[in-house]
Structure formats: structure tokens, C-alpha cells
PDB file of N, CA and C in Angstrom:
ATOM      1  N   MET A   1     139.450   3.417  91.076  1.00  0.00           N
ATOM      2  CA  MET A   1     140.400   4.395  91.571  1.00  0.00           C
ATOM      3  C   MET A   1     141.017   5.109  90.373  1.00  0.00           C
ATOM      4  N   THR A   2     140.945   6.419  90.380  1.00  0.00           N
ATOM      5  CA  THR A   2     141.565   7.198  89.309  1.00  0.00           C
ATOM      6  C   THR A   2     143.057   7.356  89.589  1.00  0.00           C
ATOM      7  N   ARG A   3     143.784   7.839  88.599  1.00  0.00           N
ATOM      8  CA  ARG A   3     145.219   8.082  88.767  1.00  0.00           C
ATOM      9  C   ARG A   3     145.464   9.068  89.905  1.00  0.00           C
ATOM     10  N   GLU A   4     144.652  10.123  89.970  1.00  0.00           N
ATOM     11  CA  GLU A   4     144.819  11.130  91.016  1.00  0.00           C
ATOM     12  C   GLU A   4     144.524  10.535  92.399  1.00  0.00           C
ATOM     13  N   GLU A   5     143.480   9.724  92.484  1.00  0.00           N
ATOM     14  CA  GLU A   5     143.155   9.062  93.763  1.00  0.00           C
ATOM     15  C   GLU A   5     144.268   8.120  94.184  1.00  0.00           C
ATOM     16  N   PHE A   6     144.829   7.398  93.208  1.00  0.00           N
ATOM     17  CA  PHE A   6     145.954   6.516  93.505  1.00  0.00           C
ATOM     18  C   PHE A   6     147.128   7.309  94.078  1.00  0.00           C
ATOM     19  N   CYS A   7     147.497   8.398  93.424  1.00  0.00           N
ATOM     20  CA  CYS A   7     148.636   9.201  93.880  1.00  0.00           C
ATOM     21  C   CYS A   7     148.407   9.744  95.281  1.00  0.00           C
ATOM     22  N   GLU A   8     147.223  10.272  95.536  1.00  0.00           N
ATOM     23  CA  GLU A   8     146.905  10.786  96.868  1.00  0.00           C
ATOM     24  C   GLU A   8     146.995   9.679  97.915  1.00  0.00           C
ATOM     25  N   ALA A   9     146.444   8.505  97.607  1.00  0.00           N
ATOM     26  CA  ALA A   9     146.454   7.390  98.556  1.00  0.00           C
ATOM     27  C   ALA A   9     147.866   6.858  98.774  1.00  0.00           C
ATOM     28  N   ALA A  10     148.666   6.781  97.705  1.00  0.00           N
ATOM     29  CA  ALA A  10     150.040   6.294  97.815  1.00  0.00           C
ATOM     30  C   ALA A  10     150.880   7.229  98.693  1.00  0.00           C
ATOM     31  N   LEU A  11     150.782   8.517  98.448  1.00  0.00           N
ATOM     32  CA  LEU A  11     151.534   9.481  99.258  1.00  0.00           C
ATOM     33  C   LEU A  11     151.048   9.484 100.706  1.00  0.00           C
ATOM     34  N   ARG A  12     149.751   9.306 100.902  1.00  0.00           N
ATOM     35  CA  ARG A  12     149.197   9.216 102.252  1.00  0.00           C
ATOM     36  C   ARG A  12     149.770   7.993 102.978  1.00  0.00           C
ATOM     37  N   GLU A  13     149.888   6.863 102.266  1.00  0.00           N
ATOM     38  CA  GLU A  13     150.452   5.652 102.884  1.00  0.00           C
ATOM     39  C   GLU A  13     151.913   5.866 103.262  1.00  0.00           C
ATOM     40  N   LEU A  14     152.683   6.517 102.415  1.00  0.00           N
ATOM     41  CA  LEU A  14     154.085   6.809 102.746  1.00  0.00           C
ATOM     42  C   LEU A  14     154.178   7.701 103.981  1.00  0.00           C
ATOM     43  N   HIS A  15     153.302   8.666 104.094  1.00  0.00           N
ATOM     44  CA  HIS A  15     153.310   9.553 105.260  1.00  0.00           C
ATOM     45  C   HIS A  15     152.800   8.826 106.516  1.00  0.00           C
ATOM     46  N   ARG A  16     151.895   7.866 106.344  1.00  0.00           N
ATOM     47  CA  ARG A  16     151.440   7.058 107.475  1.00  0.00           C
ATOM     48  C   ARG A  16     152.604   6.228 108.024  1.00  0.00           C
ATOM     49  N   ILE A  17     153.469   5.756 107.147  1.00  0.00           N
ATOM     50  CA  ILE A  17     154.661   5.009 107.576  1.00  0.00           C
ATOM     51  C   ILE A  17     155.581   5.946 108.350  1.00  0.00           C
ATOM     52  N   GLU A  18     155.816   7.134 107.815  1.00  0.00           N
ATOM     53  CA  GLU A  18     156.672   8.116 108.493  1.00  0.00           C
ATOM     54  C   GLU A  18     156.171   8.438 109.895  1.00  0.00           C
ATOM     55  N   SER A  19     154.860   8.566 110.038  1.00  0.00           N
ATOM     56  CA  SER A  19     154.292   8.980 111.322  1.00  0.00           C
ATOM     57  C   SER A  19     154.089   7.814 112.295  1.00  0.00           C
ATOM     58  N   GLY A  20     154.358   6.596 111.840  1.00  0.00           N
ATOM     59  CA  GLY A  20     154.196   5.431 112.710  1.00  0.00           C
ATOM     60  C   GLY A  20     152.796   4.846 112.712  1.00  0.00           C
ATOM     61  N   GLU A  21     151.901   5.380 111.888  1.00  0.00           N
ATOM     62  CA  GLU A  21     150.538   4.854 111.799  1.00  0.00           C
ATOM     63  C   GLU A  21     150.485   3.561 111.003  1.00  0.00           C
ATOM     64  N   ALA A  22     151.487   3.307 110.179  1.00  0.00           N
ATOM     65  CA  ALA A  22     151.591   2.084 109.389  1.00  0.00           C
ATOM     66  C   ALA A  22     153.027   1.580 109.493  1.00  0.00           C
ATOM     67  N   SER A  23     153.203   0.295 109.259  1.00  0.00           N
ATOM     68  CA  SER A  23     154.540  -0.301 109.302  1.00  0.00           C
ATOM     69  C   SER A  23     154.837  -0.984 107.974  1.00  0.00           C
ATOM     70  N   VAL A  24     156.107  -1.335 107.774  1.00  0.00           N
ATOM     71  CA  VAL A  24     156.507  -2.056 106.568  1.00  0.00           C
ATOM     72  C   VAL A  24     157.255  -3.318 106.957  1.00  0.00           C
ATOM     73  N   GLU A  25     157.144  -4.313 106.094  1.00  0.00           N
ATOM     74  CA  GLU A  25     157.874  -5.563 106.276  1.00  0.00           C
ATOM     75  C   GLU A  25     158.574  -5.894 104.968  1.00  0.00           C
ATOM     76  N   LEU A  26     159.859  -6.187 105.040  1.00  0.00           N
ATOM     77  CA  LEU A  26     160.622  -6.601 103.870  1.00  0.00           C
ATOM     78  C   LEU A  26     160.118  -7.967 103.428  1.00  0.00           C
ATOM     79  N   VAL A  27     159.737  -8.096 102.161  1.00  0.00           N
ATOM     80  CA  VAL A  27     159.231  -9.381 101.677  1.00  0.00           C
ATOM     81  C   VAL A  27     160.104  -9.993 100.589  1.00  0.00           C
ATOM     82  N   ALA A  28     160.911  -9.211  99.907  1.00  0.00           N
ATOM     83  CA  ALA A  28     161.785  -9.756  98.863  1.00  0.00           C
ATOM     84  C   ALA A  28     162.850  -8.736  98.499  1.00  0.00           C
ATOM     85  N   GLY A  29     163.956  -9.236  97.986  1.00  0.00           N
ATOM     86  CA  GLY A  29     165.007  -8.355  97.491  1.00  0.00           C
ATOM     87  C   GLY A  29     166.187  -8.254  98.425  1.00  0.00           C
ATOM     88  N   ASP A  30     167.188  -7.548  97.958  1.00  0.00           N
ATOM     89  CA  ASP A  30     168.443  -7.370  98.680  1.00  0.00           C
ATOM     90  C   ASP A  30     168.681  -5.878  98.881  1.00  0.00           C
ATOM     91  N   ILE A  31     168.759  -5.477 100.136  1.00  0.00           N
ATOM     92  CA  ILE A  31     168.989  -4.065 100.479  1.00  0.00           C
ATOM     93  C   ILE A  31     170.242  -3.521  99.794  1.00  0.00           C
ATOM     94  N   LEU A  32     171.183  -4.388  99.495  1.00  0.00           N
ATOM     95  CA  LEU A  32     172.445  -3.926  98.928  1.00  0.00           C
ATOM     96  C   LEU A  32     172.367  -3.591  97.444  1.00  0.00           C
ATOM     97  N   ALA A  33     171.389  -4.124  96.731  1.00  0.00           N
ATOM     98  CA  ALA A  33     171.328  -3.820  95.307  1.00  0.00           C
ATOM     99  C   ALA A  33     170.024  -4.289  94.680  1.00  0.00           C
ATOM    100  N   GLY A  34     169.451  -3.420  93.885  1.00  0.00           N
ATOM    101  CA  GLY A  34     168.293  -3.799  93.091  1.00  0.00           C
ATOM    102  C   GLY A  34     166.963  -3.508  93.738  1.00  0.00           C
ATOM    103  N   LYS A  35     165.946  -4.229  93.263  1.00  0.00           N
ATOM    104  CA  LYS A  35     164.581  -4.023  93.733  1.00  0.00           C
ATOM    105  C   LYS A  35     164.382  -4.655  95.103  1.00  0.00           C
ATOM    106  N   VAL A  36     163.817  -3.869  96.005  1.00  0.00           N
ATOM    107  CA  VAL A  36     163.513  -4.318  97.359  1.00  0.00           C
ATOM    108  C   VAL A  36     162.012  -4.146  97.556  1.00  0.00           C
ATOM    109  N   GLU A  37     161.331  -5.226  97.914  1.00  0.00           N
ATOM    110  CA  GLU A  37     159.875  -5.193  98.025  1.00  0.00           C
ATOM    111  C   GLU A  37     159.429  -5.208  99.481  1.00  0.00           C
ATOM    112  N   TYR A  38     158.460  -4.362  99.773  1.00  0.00           N
ATOM    113  CA  TYR A  38     157.893  -4.244 101.116  1.00  0.00           C
ATOM    114  C   TYR A  38     156.380  -4.401 101.054  1.00  0.00           C
ATOM    115  N   GLN A  39     155.821  -4.922 102.117  1.00  0.00           N
ATOM    116  CA  GLN A  39     154.368  -4.974 102.319  1.00  0.00           C
ATOM    117  C   GLN A  39     154.080  -4.044 103.489  1.00  0.00           C
ATOM    118  N   THR A  40     153.090  -3.165 103.345  1.00  0.00           N
ATOM    119  CA  THR A  40     152.744  -2.286 104.455  1.00  0.00           C
ATOM    120  C   THR A  40     151.596  -2.899 105.252  1.00  0.00           C
ATOM    121  N   SER A  41     151.456  -2.461 106.476  1.00  0.00           N
ATOM    122  CA  SER A  41     150.350  -2.931 107.300  1.00  0.00           C
ATOM    123  C   SER A  41     149.010  -2.481 106.739  1.00  0.00           C
ATOM    124  N   GLY A  42     149.033  -1.484 105.859  1.00  0.00           N
ATOM    125  CA  GLY A  42     147.820  -1.015 105.200  1.00  0.00           C
ATOM    126  C   GLY A  42     147.496  -1.780 103.926  1.00  0.00           C
ATOM    127  N   GLY A  43     148.319  -2.798 103.594  1.00  0.00           N
ATOM    128  CA  GLY A  43     148.046  -3.631 102.435  1.00  0.00           C
ATOM    129  C   GLY A  43     148.709  -3.206 101.134  1.00  0.00           C
ATOM    130  N   TRP A  44     149.516  -2.179 101.159  1.00  0.00           N
ATOM    131  CA  TRP A  44     150.229  -1.721  99.967  1.00  0.00           C
ATOM    132  C   TRP A  44     151.496  -2.528  99.745  1.00  0.00           C
ATOM    133  N   MET A  45     151.874  -2.713  98.482  1.00  0.00           N
ATOM    134  CA  MET A  45     153.187  -3.246  98.120  1.00  0.00           C
ATOM    135  C   MET A  45     154.005  -2.066  97.608  1.00  0.00           C
ATOM    136  N   ILE A  46     155.223  -1.945  98.110  1.00  0.00           N
ATOM    137  CA  ILE A  46     156.110  -0.861  97.695  1.00  0.00           C
ATOM    138  C   ILE A  46     157.408  -1.486  97.217  1.00  0.00           C
ATOM    139  N   VAL A  47     157.852  -1.105  96.031  1.00  0.00           N
ATOM    140  CA  VAL A  47     159.127  -1.570  95.502  1.00  0.00           C
ATOM    141  C   VAL A  47     160.062  -0.372  95.432  1.00  0.00           C
ATOM    142  N   VAL A  48     161.199  -0.504  96.107  1.00  0.00           N
ATOM    143  CA  VAL A  48     162.220   0.546  96.161  1.00  0.00           C
ATOM    144  C   VAL A  48     163.441   0.034  95.422  1.00  0.00           C
ATOM    145  N   PHE A  49     164.116   0.903  94.688  1.00  0.00           N
ATOM    146  CA  PHE A  49     165.381   0.512  94.063  1.00  0.00           C
ATOM    147  C   PHE A  49     166.513   0.967  94.966  1.00  0.00           C
ATOM    148  N   SER A  50     167.333  -0.003  95.352  1.00  0.00           N
ATOM    149  CA  SER A  50     168.485   0.255  96.215  1.00  0.00           C
ATOM    150  C   SER A  50     169.756   0.195  95.375  1.00  0.00           C
ATOM    151  N   ASP A  51     170.614   1.176  95.563  1.00  0.00           N
ATOM    152  CA  ASP A  51     171.887   1.222  94.847  1.00  0.00           C
ATOM    153  C   ASP A  51     173.008   1.152  95.882  1.00  0.00           C
ATOM    154  N   GLY A  52     173.430  -0.066  96.208  1.00  0.00           N
ATOM    155  CA  GLY A  52     174.508  -0.239  97.182  1.00  0.00           C
ATOM    156  C   GLY A  52     174.124   0.235  98.567  1.00  0.00           C
ATOM    157  N   ASP A  53     172.965  -0.200  99.064  1.00  0.00           N
ATOM    158  CA  ASP A  53     172.445   0.185 100.376  1.00  0.00           C
ATOM    159  C   ASP A  53     172.074   1.665 100.444  1.00  0.00           C
ATOM    160  N   VAL A  54     171.778   2.247  99.305  1.00  0.00           N
ATOM    161  CA  VAL A  54     171.323   3.630  99.248  1.00  0.00           C
ATOM    162  C   VAL A  54     169.943   3.633  98.596  1.00  0.00           C
ATOM    163  N   TRP A  55     168.962   4.205  99.286  1.00  0.00           N
ATOM    164  CA  TRP A  55     167.611   4.341  98.731  1.00  0.00           C
ATOM    165  C   TRP A  55     167.727   5.234  97.513  1.00  0.00           C
ATOM    166  N   ASP A  56     167.453   4.684  96.341  1.00  0.00           N
ATOM    167  CA  ASP A  56     167.583   5.457  95.115  1.00  0.00           C
ATOM    168  C   ASP A  56     166.241   6.082  94.723  1.00  0.00           C
ATOM    169  N   TYR A  57     165.208   5.246  94.557  1.00  0.00           N
ATOM    170  CA  TYR A  57     163.895   5.773  94.173  1.00  0.00           C
ATOM    171  C   TYR A  57     162.826   4.710  94.412  1.00  0.00           C
ATOM    172  N   VAL A  58     161.574   5.158  94.415  1.00  0.00           N
ATOM    173  CA  VAL A  58     160.445   4.235  94.487  1.00  0.00           C
ATOM    174  C   VAL A  58     160.189   3.754  93.062  1.00  0.00           C
ATOM    175  N   ARG A  59     160.232   2.451  92.867  1.00  0.00           N
ATOM    176  CA  ARG A  59     160.028   1.858  91.541  1.00  0.00           C
ATOM    177  C   ARG A  59     158.552   1.600  91.253  1.00  0.00           C
ATOM    178  N   ALA A  60     157.818   1.195  92.306  1.00  0.00           N
ATOM    179  CA  ALA A  60     156.401   0.872  92.110  1.00  0.00           C
ATOM    180  C   ALA A  60     155.673   0.895  93.441  1.00  0.00           C
ATOM    181  N   MET A  61     154.383   1.158  93.370  1.00  0.00           N
ATOM    182  CA  MET A  61     153.491   1.017  94.524  1.00  0.00           C
ATOM    183  C   MET A  61     152.202   0.390  94.019  1.00  0.00           C
ATOM    184  N   THR A  62     151.707  -0.588  94.758  1.00  0.00           N
ATOM    185  CA  THR A  62     150.465  -1.260  94.396  1.00  0.00           C
ATOM    186  C   THR A  62     149.517  -1.172  95.575  1.00  0.00           C
ATOM    187  N   PRO A  63     148.321  -0.635  95.356  1.00  0.00           N
ATOM    188  CA  PRO A  63     147.361  -0.508  96.454  1.00  0.00           C
ATOM    189  C   PRO A  63     146.785  -1.870  96.842  1.00  0.00           C
ATOM    190  N   PRO A  64     146.111  -1.936  97.982  1.00  0.00           N
ATOM    191  CA  PRO A  64     145.502  -3.199  98.423  1.00  0.00           C
ATOM    192  C   PRO A  64     144.534  -3.787  97.393  1.00  0.00           C
ATOM    193  N   THR A  65     143.968  -2.959  96.545  1.00  0.00           N
ATOM    194  CA  THR A  65     143.042  -3.438  95.505  1.00  0.00           C
ATOM    195  C   THR A  65     143.762  -4.175  94.381  1.00  0.00           C
ATOM    196  N   LYS A  66     145.093  -4.093  94.368  1.00  0.00           N
ATOM    197  CA  LYS A  66     145.956  -4.696  93.333  1.00  0.00           C
ATOM    198  C   LYS A  66     145.846  -3.998  91.977  1.00  0.00           C
ATOM    199  N   GLN A  67     145.153  -2.866  91.934  1.00  0.00           N
ATOM    200  CA  GLN A  67     145.041  -2.100  90.695  1.00  0.00           C
ATOM    201  C   GLN A  67     146.419  -1.574  90.316  1.00  0.00           C
ATOM    202  N   HIS A  68     146.791  -1.683  89.044  1.00  0.00           N
ATOM    203  CA  HIS A  68     148.133  -1.293  88.607  1.00  0.00           C
ATOM    204  C   HIS A  68     148.145   0.124  88.023  1.00  0.00           C
ATOM    205  N   PHE A  69     149.098   0.910  88.521  1.00  0.00           N
ATOM    206  CA  PHE A  69     149.369   2.229  87.965  1.00  0.00           C
ATOM    207  C   PHE A  69     150.866   2.290  87.678  1.00  0.00           C
ATOM    208  N   GLU A  70     151.230   2.594  86.461  1.00  0.00           N
ATOM    209  CA  GLU A  70     152.637   2.675  86.070  1.00  0.00           C
ATOM    210  C   GLU A  70     153.169   4.052  86.448  1.00  0.00           C
ATOM    211  N   ILE A  71     153.953   4.112  87.541  1.00  0.00           N
ATOM    212  CA  ILE A  71     154.459   5.409  87.998  1.00  0.00           C
ATOM    213  C   ILE A  71     155.677   5.869  87.198  1.00  0.00           C
ATOM    214  N   TRP A  72     156.173   5.007  86.320  1.00  0.00           N
ATOM    215  CA  TRP A  72     157.260   5.345  85.401  1.00  0.00           C
ATOM    216  C   TRP A  72     156.743   5.165  83.968  1.00  0.00           C
ATOM    217  N   PRO A  73     155.770   5.977  83.536  1.00  0.00           N
ATOM    218  CA  PRO A  73     155.186   5.775  82.209  1.00  0.00           C
ATOM    219  C   PRO A  73     156.200   6.038  81.092  1.00  0.00           C
ATOM    220  N   GLU A  74     156.007   5.332  79.989  1.00  0.00           N
ATOM    221  CA  GLU A  74     156.899   5.499  78.839  1.00  0.00           C
ATOM    222  C   GLU A  74     156.651   6.813  78.109  1.00  0.00           C
ATOM    223  N   GLN A  75     155.416   7.257  78.082  1.00  0.00           N
ATOM    224  CA  GLN A  75     155.058   8.480  77.376  1.00  0.00           C
ATOM    225  C   GLN A  75     154.918   9.646  78.354  1.00  0.00           C
ATOM    226  N   GLU A  76     155.512  10.760  78.033  1.00  0.00           N
ATOM    227  CA  GLU A  76     155.440  11.957  78.883  1.00  0.00           C
ATOM    228  C   GLU A  76     153.990  12.360  79.144  1.00  0.00           C
ATOM    229  N   LYS A  77     153.130  12.178  78.156  1.00  0.00           N
ATOM    230  CA  LYS A  77     151.721  12.554  78.305  1.00  0.00           C
ATOM    231  C   LYS A  77     151.006  11.735  79.379  1.00  0.00           C
ATOM    232  N   ASP A  78     151.568  10.573  79.733  1.00  0.00           N
ATOM    233  CA  ASP A  78     150.959   9.712  80.752  1.00  0.00           C
ATOM    234  C   ASP A  78     151.513   9.979  82.148  1.00  0.00           C
ATOM    235  N   ASP A  79     152.488  10.885  82.257  1.00  0.00           N
ATOM    236  CA  ASP A  79     153.094  11.211  83.546  1.00  0.00           C
ATOM    237  C   ASP A  79     152.255  12.285  84.243  1.00  0.00           C
ATOM    238  N   CYS A  80     152.471  12.442  85.532  1.00  0.00           N
ATOM    239  CA  CYS A  80     151.771  13.489  86.280  1.00  0.00           C
ATOM    240  C   CYS A  80     152.598  13.856  87.503  1.00  0.00           C
ATOM    241  N   GLU A  81     152.242  14.954  88.116  1.00  0.00           N
ATOM    242  CA  GLU A  81     152.969  15.436  89.294  1.00  0.00           C
ATOM    243  C   GLU A  81     152.939  14.411  90.421  1.00  0.00           C
ATOM    244  N   GLY A  82     151.806  13.738  90.616  1.00  0.00           N
ATOM    245  CA  GLY A  82     151.704  12.725  91.657  1.00  0.00           C
ATOM    246  C   GLY A  82     152.686  11.585  91.459  1.00  0.00           C
ATOM    247  N   PHE A  83     152.835  11.103  90.221  1.00  0.00           N
ATOM    248  CA  PHE A  83     153.807  10.040  89.934  1.00  0.00           C
ATOM    249  C   PHE A  83     155.218  10.531  90.231  1.00  0.00           C
ATOM    250  N   ARG A  84     155.520  11.767  89.846  1.00  0.00           N
ATOM    251  CA  ARG A  84     156.863  12.308  90.101  1.00  0.00           C
ATOM    252  C   ARG A  84     157.145  12.396  91.593  1.00  0.00           C
ATOM    253  N   LYS A  85     156.144  12.775  92.386  1.00  0.00           N
ATOM    254  CA  LYS A  85     156.324  12.857  93.841  1.00  0.00           C
ATOM    255  C   LYS A  85     156.568  11.475  94.440  1.00  0.00           C
ATOM    256  N   ILE A  86     155.844  10.477  93.967  1.00  0.00           N
ATOM    257  CA  ILE A  86     156.037   9.113  94.467  1.00  0.00           C
ATOM    258  C   ILE A  86     157.435   8.624  94.106  1.00  0.00           C
ATOM    259  N   ARG A  87     157.827   8.792  92.855  1.00  0.00           N
ATOM    260  CA  ARG A  87     159.155   8.329  92.414  1.00  0.00           C
ATOM    261  C   ARG A  87     160.276   8.984  93.214  1.00  0.00           C
ATOM    262  N   ALA A  88     160.106  10.257  93.539  1.00  0.00           N
ATOM    263  CA  ALA A  88     161.149  11.023  94.222  1.00  0.00           C
ATOM    264  C   ALA A  88     161.123  10.865  95.739  1.00  0.00           C
ATOM    265  N   TYR A  89     160.127  10.180  96.264  1.00  0.00           N
ATOM    266  CA  TYR A  89     159.988  10.072  97.715  1.00  0.00           C
ATOM    267  C   TYR A  89     161.226   9.431  98.346  1.00  0.00           C
ATOM    268  N   HIS A  90     161.685  10.022  99.435  1.00  0.00           N
ATOM    269  CA  HIS A  90     162.743   9.454 100.277  1.00  0.00           C
ATOM    270  C   HIS A  90     162.289   9.606 101.720  1.00  0.00           C
ATOM    271  N   PRO A  91     162.358   8.540 102.509  1.00  0.00           N
ATOM    272  CA  PRO A  91     161.988   8.674 103.915  1.00  0.00           C
ATOM    273  C   PRO A  91     163.013   9.530 104.652  1.00  0.00           C
ATOM    274  N   PRO A  92     162.633  10.050 105.808  1.00  0.00           N
ATOM    275  CA  PRO A  92     163.609  10.790 106.611  1.00  0.00           C
ATOM    276  C   PRO A  92     164.820   9.902 106.905  1.00  0.00           C
ATOM    277  N   ALA A  93     165.999  10.492 106.922  1.00  0.00           N
ATOM    278  CA  ALA A  93     167.244   9.727 107.084  1.00  0.00           C
ATOM    279  C   ALA A  93     167.221   8.822 108.310  1.00  0.00           C
ATOM    280  N   ALA A  94     166.668   9.304 109.409  1.00  0.00           N
ATOM    281  CA  ALA A  94     166.643   8.513 110.645  1.00  0.00           C
ATOM    282  C   ALA A  94     165.781   7.256 110.515  1.00  0.00           C
ATOM    283  N   GLN A  95     164.886   7.227 109.541  1.00  0.00           N
ATOM    284  CA  GLN A  95     163.989   6.078 109.377  1.00  0.00           C
ATOM    285  C   GLN A  95     164.510   5.038 108.389  1.00  0.00           C
ATOM    286  N   LEU A  96     165.529   5.372 107.621  1.00  0.00           N
ATOM    287  CA  LEU A  96     166.037   4.423 106.630  1.00  0.00           C
ATOM    288  C   LEU A  96     166.429   3.089 107.259  1.00  0.00           C
ATOM    289  N   LYS A  97     167.124   3.130 108.366  1.00  0.00           N
ATOM    290  CA  LYS A  97     167.548   1.899 109.034  1.00  0.00           C
ATOM    291  C   LYS A  97     166.430   1.365 109.938  1.00  0.00           C
ATOM    292  N   ALA A  98     165.875   2.231 110.760  1.00  0.00           N
ATOM    293  CA  ALA A  98     164.900   1.800 111.779  1.00  0.00           C
ATOM    294  C   ALA A  98     163.642   1.212 111.180  1.00  0.00           C
ATOM    295  N   ILE A  99     163.135   1.788 110.115  1.00  0.00           N
ATOM    296  CA  ILE A  99     161.863   1.344 109.543  1.00  0.00           C
ATOM    297  C   ILE A  99     162.051   0.491 108.293  1.00  0.00           C
ATOM    298  N   TRP A 100     162.936   0.926 107.400  1.00  0.00           N
ATOM    299  CA  TRP A 100     163.066   0.285 106.103  1.00  0.00           C
ATOM    300  C   TRP A 100     164.179  -0.761 106.045  1.00  0.00           C
ATOM    301  N   GLY A 101     165.039  -0.832 107.072  1.00  0.00           N
ATOM    302  CA  GLY A 101     166.067  -1.860 107.135  1.00  0.00           C
ATOM    303  C   GLY A 101     167.342  -1.599 106.362  1.00  0.00           C
ATOM    304  N   PHE A 102     167.507  -0.370 105.869  1.00  0.00           N
ATOM    305  CA  PHE A 102     168.763  -0.068 105.191  1.00  0.00           C
ATOM    306  C   PHE A 102     169.871  -0.040 106.234  1.00  0.00           C
ATOM    307  N   LEU A 103     171.071  -0.394 105.844  1.00  0.00           N
ATOM    308  CA  LEU A 103     172.171  -0.550 106.792  1.00  0.00           C
ATOM    309  C   LEU A 103     172.772   0.770 107.241  1.00  0.00           C
ATOM    310  N   SER A 104     172.714   1.775 106.383  1.00  0.00           N
ATOM    311  CA  SER A 104     173.358   3.047 106.763  1.00  0.00           C
ATOM    312  C   SER A 104     172.351   4.140 106.966  1.00  0.00           C
TER     313      SER A 104
END
């Protein structure tokens, strides 16, 4: 899987969750603070950073293949538009509680 394929697949999985084609299950973390880990029905692991029950940003996504892509690269040359879109992703407000389990 190339970086571009990873980004396309990751964004597709997030949109599958939005549309109800995939679901998420909380597997670790505290919604009130820090890293919150989810497993999707499609086999993805998603780590979200929560700041006081507020979805702050996507920290990491791991595909079912377990291949690692650093979406927060240290070097600007290793960044790409796809990584920026994943990091900036926020679900629709109505889904924060219903799907992702955030309290507000």
C-alpha cells in the first residue's frame, strides 16, 4: 500500500462510518482526555485525541494490514495533503455522541 492508497482508504473508512456502512467500538482510552482508540468494523484502528470531551484531532489510523503510516511526520517533506485531511477530520456534530461516544 502506497502513502496515497493509505490516505484514500483511510478517508474512505471515515466516510463509511459517517454513512453507517461501518461502525466503531471504543477499545481504549478516556473520552475526557488524551488518546482514545477505536476499532472499526472494517478492521481499522483509529486513535483520536480528546481534549476535555472535545474531539481535537485524529492522531493515528492503522489499516487492517497493520501497515504503519505516520500521519504526523517530523519532516515537512514527508507530509502530504492526504495526511493533513486525516488529521483535520471531524465527524458531523450529531455523530460525536451517537457513534463515537463523546458526551457532548
